Amino acid sequence: MLLLRRAHERGLADHGWLKSYHSFSFADYYDPRHMGFRALRVINEDRVAPGRGFGAHSHRDMEILSVVLEGGLQHRDSLGTGSIIRPGEVQRMSAGRGVTHSELNASQHEPVHFLQIWLLPSQRGIPPSYEQKAFPREQRDGTLQLVASPDGSDGSLTVHCDARLYLGSFSAQQRHTLPLAHGRHAWVQVTRGKLRVQGQELSAGDGAAISEEAELQLEGGVLESGAPEGSELLVFDLA
């Protein structure tokens, strides 16, 4: 079973310096039909103007992932971490019993485009922690690359919940299948181009929830002219 969440159906917060599309209810956007999917609570696609960003603010009991698509995101937190996250890198911050952080556009000239992701943790009140790693794009050409998991397998980030996050890059007609164990679910979020999920075409910004399937079937898409178009996506394997 596949349920689509089209890009144009998402909530939109436009603050001038920030344009944020919400796949699920967030802040002033509320839709009781879209409160999250399994442990996945937030997927915000954010574009932040040069020199602007989210000032210091606090979180508790949430696994927060940032995936930068374009530009650079400057991170600082109460753990003493300071870094810049760039395309090909993924950040994981476990808020646990409490952490304060800021996320700012690292450039005074170019916007930053990234996904902010929240996952519900399996345990509350854990010590806050931070990780950031680079995942070379060539390692996910035509396949899915594991970037976050409960056990940090294959060099992935460690998340404190029963979820695995993959990044994928596909050219036209490249195919890949991800087995889904009994009782598991998947969420697909397309970040660039077009591809087919279970035979259904998705475009950038589209999401899809997959349940009661033995496997996830992915195929790179093509433009109407027939010219190949690269596609990129995130896949969550969820309990």
Protein backbone atom coordinates (compact mmCIF):
# COMPACT_ATOMS: atom_id res chain seq x y z
CA MET A 1 0.00 0.00 0.00
CA LEU A 2 1.34 3.41 -1.01
CA LEU A 3 -0.03 6.78 0.15
CA LEU A 4 1.23 9.89 -1.63
CA ARG A 5 2.04 13.25 -0.06
CA ARG A 6 2.48 15.59 -3.03
CA ALA A 7 4.80 18.58 -2.75
CA HIS A 8 2.04 21.13 -3.38
CA GLU A 9 -0.10 19.67 -0.58
CA ARG A 10 2.47 20.43 2.12
CA GLY A 11 2.14 23.26 4.60
CA LEU A 12 4.11 26.43 3.82
CA ALA A 13 5.62 28.98 6.18
CA ASP A 14 7.01 32.01 4.32
CA HIS A 15 8.78 34.46 6.63
CA GLY A 16 10.73 36.25 3.92
CA TRP A 17 14.15 35.12 5.15
CA LEU A 18 12.79 31.54 5.53
CA LYS A 19 10.62 29.50 3.21
CA SER A 20 9.73 26.18 4.84
CA TYR A 21 7.56 23.37 3.44
CA HIS A 22 6.13 21.01 6.08
CA SER A 23 5.30 17.40 5.15
CA PHE A 24 3.72 17.01 8.60
CA SER A 25 2.04 19.34 11.08
CA PHE A 26 4.58 21.79 12.49
CA ALA A 27 4.42 25.12 14.35
CA ASP A 28 1.45 27.13 12.99
CA TYR A 29 0.66 24.51 10.33
CA TYR A 30 -1.75 21.90 11.65
CA ASP A 31 -3.44 19.09 9.74
CA PRO A 32 -4.75 16.18 11.84
CA ARG A 33 -4.40 13.90 8.79
CA HIS A 34 -0.64 14.53 8.68
CA MET A 35 0.86 14.35 12.16
CA GLY A 36 3.83 12.19 11.19
CA PHE A 37 4.44 8.62 10.06
CA ARG A 38 5.49 5.99 12.59
CA ALA A 39 8.54 7.45 14.44
CA LEU A 40 8.98 10.11 11.75
CA ARG A 41 7.53 13.32 13.16
CA VAL A 42 8.92 16.19 11.04
CA ILE A 43 10.26 16.67 7.52
CA ASN A 44 10.73 20.36 6.78
CA GLU A 45 12.28 21.49 3.51
CA ASP A 46 13.91 24.82 4.42
CA ARG A 47 15.46 27.57 2.34
CA VAL A 48 17.21 30.23 4.43
CA ALA A 49 18.36 33.59 3.10
CA PRO A 50 22.04 34.61 3.28
CA GLY A 51 23.16 35.66 6.74
CA ARG A 52 19.93 34.51 8.41
CA GLY A 53 18.83 31.44 10.31
CA PHE A 54 17.45 29.96 13.50
CA GLY A 55 18.90 31.61 16.61
CA ALA A 56 19.58 29.78 19.86
CA HIS A 57 16.61 27.67 20.96
CA SER A 58 16.10 24.48 22.94
CA HIS A 59 14.77 20.95 22.38
CA ARG A 60 14.13 17.88 24.50
CA ASP A 61 13.62 14.19 23.69
CA MET A 62 13.92 14.29 19.92
CA GLU A 63 16.34 12.85 17.36
CA ILE A 64 17.08 15.69 14.93
CA LEU A 65 18.75 15.12 11.56
CA SER A 66 19.84 17.77 9.07
CA VAL A 67 20.58 16.93 5.42
CA VAL A 68 22.01 19.85 3.43
CA LEU A 69 21.09 19.93 -0.27
CA GLU A 70 22.74 23.24 -1.28
CA GLY A 71 24.93 25.75 0.52
CA GLY A 72 26.28 25.50 4.07
CA LEU A 73 24.55 25.33 7.46
CA GLN A 74 26.44 26.63 10.49
CA HIS A 75 25.69 24.71 13.69
CA ARG A 76 26.45 25.67 17.32
CA ASP A 77 25.13 24.03 20.47
CA SER A 78 25.35 23.92 24.25
CA LEU A 79 27.51 20.79 24.03
CA GLY A 80 30.31 22.98 22.67
CA THR A 81 29.94 21.80 19.09
CA GLY A 82 30.55 24.23 16.24
CA SER A 83 30.57 23.10 12.62
CA ILE A 84 29.40 23.79 9.07
CA ILE A 85 27.31 21.12 7.34
CA ARG A 86 27.59 20.96 3.56
CA PRO A 87 26.03 18.81 0.79
CA GLY A 88 27.03 15.17 1.23
CA GLU A 89 27.14 15.55 5.03
CA VAL A 90 24.46 14.58 7.57
CA GLN A 91 24.08 15.91 11.10
CA ARG A 92 22.49 14.03 14.01
CA MET A 93 21.66 15.78 17.27
CA SER A 94 20.00 13.82 20.08
CA ALA A 95 18.24 16.42 22.23
CA GLY A 96 17.69 13.97 25.09
CA ARG A 97 17.21 15.68 28.43
CA GLY A 98 17.85 19.08 26.86
CA VAL A 99 20.09 20.92 24.40
CA THR A 100 20.25 24.46 23.05
CA HIS A 101 21.45 25.10 19.50
CA SER A 102 21.42 27.51 16.56
CA GLU A 103 21.39 26.75 12.83
CA LEU A 104 22.41 29.65 10.57
CA ASN A 105 23.19 30.10 6.90
CA ALA A 106 26.99 29.96 6.75
CA SER A 107 27.06 32.33 3.75
CA GLN A 108 26.40 36.06 3.53
CA HIS A 109 25.76 35.74 -0.22
CA GLU A 110 24.06 32.42 -1.07
CA PRO A 111 20.94 30.73 0.35
CA VAL A 112 21.10 27.38 2.12
CA HIS A 113 18.65 24.60 1.23
CA PHE A 114 18.28 21.68 3.64
CA LEU A 115 15.93 19.14 5.19
CA GLN A 116 15.21 19.26 8.91
CA ILE A 117 14.04 15.86 10.19
CA TRP A 118 12.73 14.88 13.61
CA LEU A 119 12.37 11.29 14.83
CA LEU A 120 10.72 10.24 18.09
CA PRO A 121 13.32 8.54 20.33
CA SER A 122 12.86 5.10 21.85
CA GLN A 123 13.95 6.45 25.26
CA ARG A 124 13.39 9.77 26.96
CA GLY A 125 15.89 11.65 29.08
CA ILE A 126 19.08 10.31 27.51
CA PRO A 127 22.26 12.46 27.55
CA PRO A 128 22.29 14.88 24.60
CA SER A 129 24.86 14.15 21.89
CA TYR A 130 25.96 15.20 18.41
CA GLU A 131 27.40 13.54 15.30
CA GLN A 132 28.25 14.74 11.80
CA LYS A 133 29.62 12.64 8.94
CA ALA A 134 30.29 12.92 5.22
CA PHE A 135 28.75 10.33 2.91
CA PRO A 136 30.31 10.47 -0.59
CA ARG A 137 27.71 10.66 -3.34
CA GLU A 138 29.49 8.11 -5.54
CA GLN A 139 28.75 5.44 -2.91
CA ARG A 140 25.00 5.74 -3.56
CA ASP A 141 24.97 5.90 -7.35
CA GLY A 142 22.11 3.61 -8.38
CA THR A 143 21.65 2.32 -4.84
CA LEU A 144 20.77 3.30 -1.28
CA GLN A 145 23.47 4.32 1.19
CA LEU A 146 22.81 3.84 4.90
CA VAL A 147 23.48 7.12 6.76
CA ALA A 148 21.69 6.59 10.11
CA SER A 149 20.74 3.49 12.11
CA PRO A 150 20.20 2.35 15.72
CA ASP A 151 23.58 0.59 15.84
CA GLY A 152 25.73 2.86 13.67
CA SER A 153 26.30 0.01 11.20
CA ASP A 154 28.28 0.53 7.99
CA GLY A 155 29.69 3.80 9.29
CA SER A 156 26.27 5.40 9.70
CA LEU A 157 25.24 7.90 12.33
CA THR A 158 23.65 6.43 15.46
CA VAL A 159 20.01 7.36 16.13
CA HIS A 160 18.25 6.43 19.36
CA CYS A 161 15.13 4.94 17.73
CA ASP A 162 14.13 1.99 15.58
CA ALA A 163 14.71 3.72 12.24
CA ARG A 164 17.19 3.50 9.41
CA LEU A 165 17.78 6.36 6.98
CA TYR A 166 19.19 5.90 3.48
CA LEU A 167 20.23 8.38 0.79
CA GLY A 168 19.97 7.40 -2.88
CA SER A 169 20.96 8.83 -6.28
CA PHE A 170 19.53 7.38 -9.48
CA SER A 171 19.98 8.06 -13.17
CA ALA A 172 17.32 7.24 -15.72
CA GLN A 173 16.09 3.64 -15.49
CA GLN A 174 18.51 2.64 -12.75
CA ARG A 175 16.63 0.25 -10.45
CA HIS A 176 17.04 -0.78 -6.83
CA THR A 177 15.01 -2.90 -4.42
CA LEU A 178 15.06 -2.56 -0.63
CA PRO A 179 13.58 -5.54 1.27
CA LEU A 180 11.15 -4.60 4.05
CA ALA A 181 10.90 -7.04 6.93
CA HIS A 182 7.46 -8.11 8.15
CA GLY A 183 5.82 -5.27 10.06
CA ARG A 184 8.21 -2.62 8.74
CA HIS A 185 7.18 0.54 6.92
CA ALA A 186 8.97 3.00 4.64
CA TRP A 187 8.78 6.69 3.91
CA VAL A 188 10.29 8.05 0.69
CA GLN A 189 11.11 11.76 0.28
CA VAL A 190 12.29 12.94 -3.16
CA THR A 191 14.75 15.85 -3.09
CA ARG A 192 15.68 16.16 -6.78
CA GLY A 193 14.36 14.99 -10.13
CA LYS A 194 11.79 12.27 -10.73
CA LEU A 195 11.66 8.58 -9.96
CA ARG A 196 9.18 5.75 -9.66
CA VAL A 197 8.29 4.21 -6.32
CA GLN A 198 6.28 0.97 -6.55
CA GLY A 199 5.61 2.04 -10.15
CA GLN A 200 4.19 5.44 -9.09
CA GLU A 201 6.00 8.56 -10.36
CA LEU A 202 7.22 11.03 -7.75
CA SER A 203 8.87 14.42 -8.25
CA ALA A 204 11.03 16.68 -6.08
CA GLY A 205 9.22 17.54 -2.83
CA ASP A 206 6.87 14.55 -3.04
CA GLY A 207 6.72 12.00 -0.25
CA ALA A 208 5.18 8.54 0.02
CA ALA A 209 4.27 6.21 2.88
CA ILE A 210 4.64 2.50 2.13
CA SER A 211 3.09 -0.19 4.33
CA GLU A 212 2.23 -3.89 4.01
CA GLU A 213 4.83 -4.44 1.27
CA ALA A 214 7.65 -6.99 1.21
CA GLU A 215 10.00 -4.64 -0.64
CA LEU A 216 10.48 -1.08 -1.82
CA GLN A 217 10.98 -0.78 -5.59
CA LEU A 218 12.80 2.28 -6.96
CA GLU A 219 13.50 3.32 -10.55
CA GLY A 220 15.14 6.50 -11.84
CA GLY A 221 12.84 8.68 -13.95
CA VAL A 222 13.12 10.51 -17.27
CA LEU A 223 12.00 13.89 -18.57
CA GLU A 224 9.08 14.05 -20.98
CA SER A 225 11.57 14.71 -23.79
CA GLY A 226 13.23 11.40 -22.99
CA ALA A 227 16.43 13.04 -21.76
CA PRO A 228 17.76 11.45 -18.58
CA GLU A 229 17.25 13.31 -15.31
CA GLY A 230 19.12 12.41 -12.17
CA SER A 231 17.04 11.89 -9.05
CA GLU A 232 17.91 11.97 -5.36
CA LEU A 233 15.89 10.77 -2.39
CA LEU A 234 15.75 9.82 1.25
CA VAL A 235 14.29 6.50 2.41
CA PHE A 236 13.28 5.77 6.01
CA ASP A 237 12.86 2.15 7.14
CA LEU A 238 10.58 2.37 10.20
CA ALA A 239 9.06 0.05 12.79
